[in-house]
Amino acid sequence: MSAFERYLSIWVALAILAGVMLGQVAPGLVGVLAGLEYGSVNFVVAVLIWFMVYPMMVAVDFRALARVHERPKGMIITLVVNWLIKPFTMAALGLLFFEVIFAPFIEPGTAGQYIAGMILLGTAPCTAMVFVWSQMTKGDPNYTLAQVSLNDAVMVFAYAPIVALLLGVTDIVVPWETLVLSVVLYVVIPLAAGVLTRVQMTRGTADPAEAEALVGGFTARIKPFSVVGLLATVALLFAFQGEVILRQPLVIAMIAVPLLIQSYGMFAVAYWAAKAWRVPHKVAAPCAMIGTSNFFELAVAVAIGLFGLNSIAALVTVVGVLVEVPVMLSLVWFANRTTHWFPAEEVRAAGHAPVRSR
């Protein structure tokens, strides 16, 4: 690990400060960049995320991808955490903090919007950044892609009913333009680019080990661009919301508290389940990450549609963006230091040979 990667948390902290300062020094430029969006998906951020996601997509091996169903444990944990636990714990934390603990410090009658914003976040599992976190923990790229794809498919059918149930609102309109555009930008395009790169690079190579060595060397060379993309994304996100942070620091801090508890709690549940079930670390890490991070573009779009652009619910979803990156980096650090908790290969039922983690 290079010195730059070893002190990544310091560079992220500096990127956060740089972003907030940029928002104050050049608000016009930041406003122009923030306006380059459609359906709450910012195209500048999308390009930066693409740089981060692309190396993992190059590592996707479709021959191995076709066999991910043989190791279903990670998929099961992801589905249970994302759809049977996470939305309901987020709603419970919202009630606890904004109806009870923080009630004296917020305006009367606004608790419902704080809770609504948290529910909208908790019901939307991540689509894009989980590829980055998986790559940083040396996660299995084939499993990560399959996990994200499965969650996207479930989201199409489950997001609106769960949100409607928890909010008590029946007219939830899923912003399909946000959902479809995000999947295309964050999954389809980088996957297509990765596949084309891999095919071109390994053409004429019969030995799978040699092919993997070529791919590994290529991804190692472009890894610095991925890290730069991460830092630029952090700076930009904080530049977009720098004014909000400086204007309402106490409100931001109050919103952040339950979001932090939720994030670390969901990671602990998924990671512990993976450890107890003897899931390999290359699957356990991305499995826990996707249950922790959120699809904030979707949450922001729905919050704006239901409550308005300047609503508290929309603010909560935005704070979710700001909290997520530092939290996920801390979990990447933790996951990378606990690889010894997990087996190197999938533990199968008696009578079956173990499946090696790729």
Foldseek 3Di string as FASTA:
>chain_A
DDPCVVVLLVLLVVLLVLLLVCLVPPVPVLVVQCPCDDLLHRVVLLVLLLLQLLLLLLVADVVVLVVVVVPCLLLVLLCCLLAVNQLVLQLVLLCPQCVPVCVVPDDPPQSLLLSLLSNLFRNFFDQACLSNLLVLLVANSSLLLVNNVVSLVVCVPRRLVSSCVSSVNNPQDQSVVLSVVCCCSRPVVSNVVSVVVLCVQCPPPPDPVVSSVSSVVVSVVSVVSSSVSLSNSSSSLSSNCSVVCVVCVPLLVSLLVSLLVSLVVQLVSQLVSCLVQQPQLSSSRSSSVRSRAGHLSRSLSSSCVVPNDPGVSNVSSSSSVNNPPSSSVVSSVVSNVVNVSHDQWHDDDPPDDTGGDD
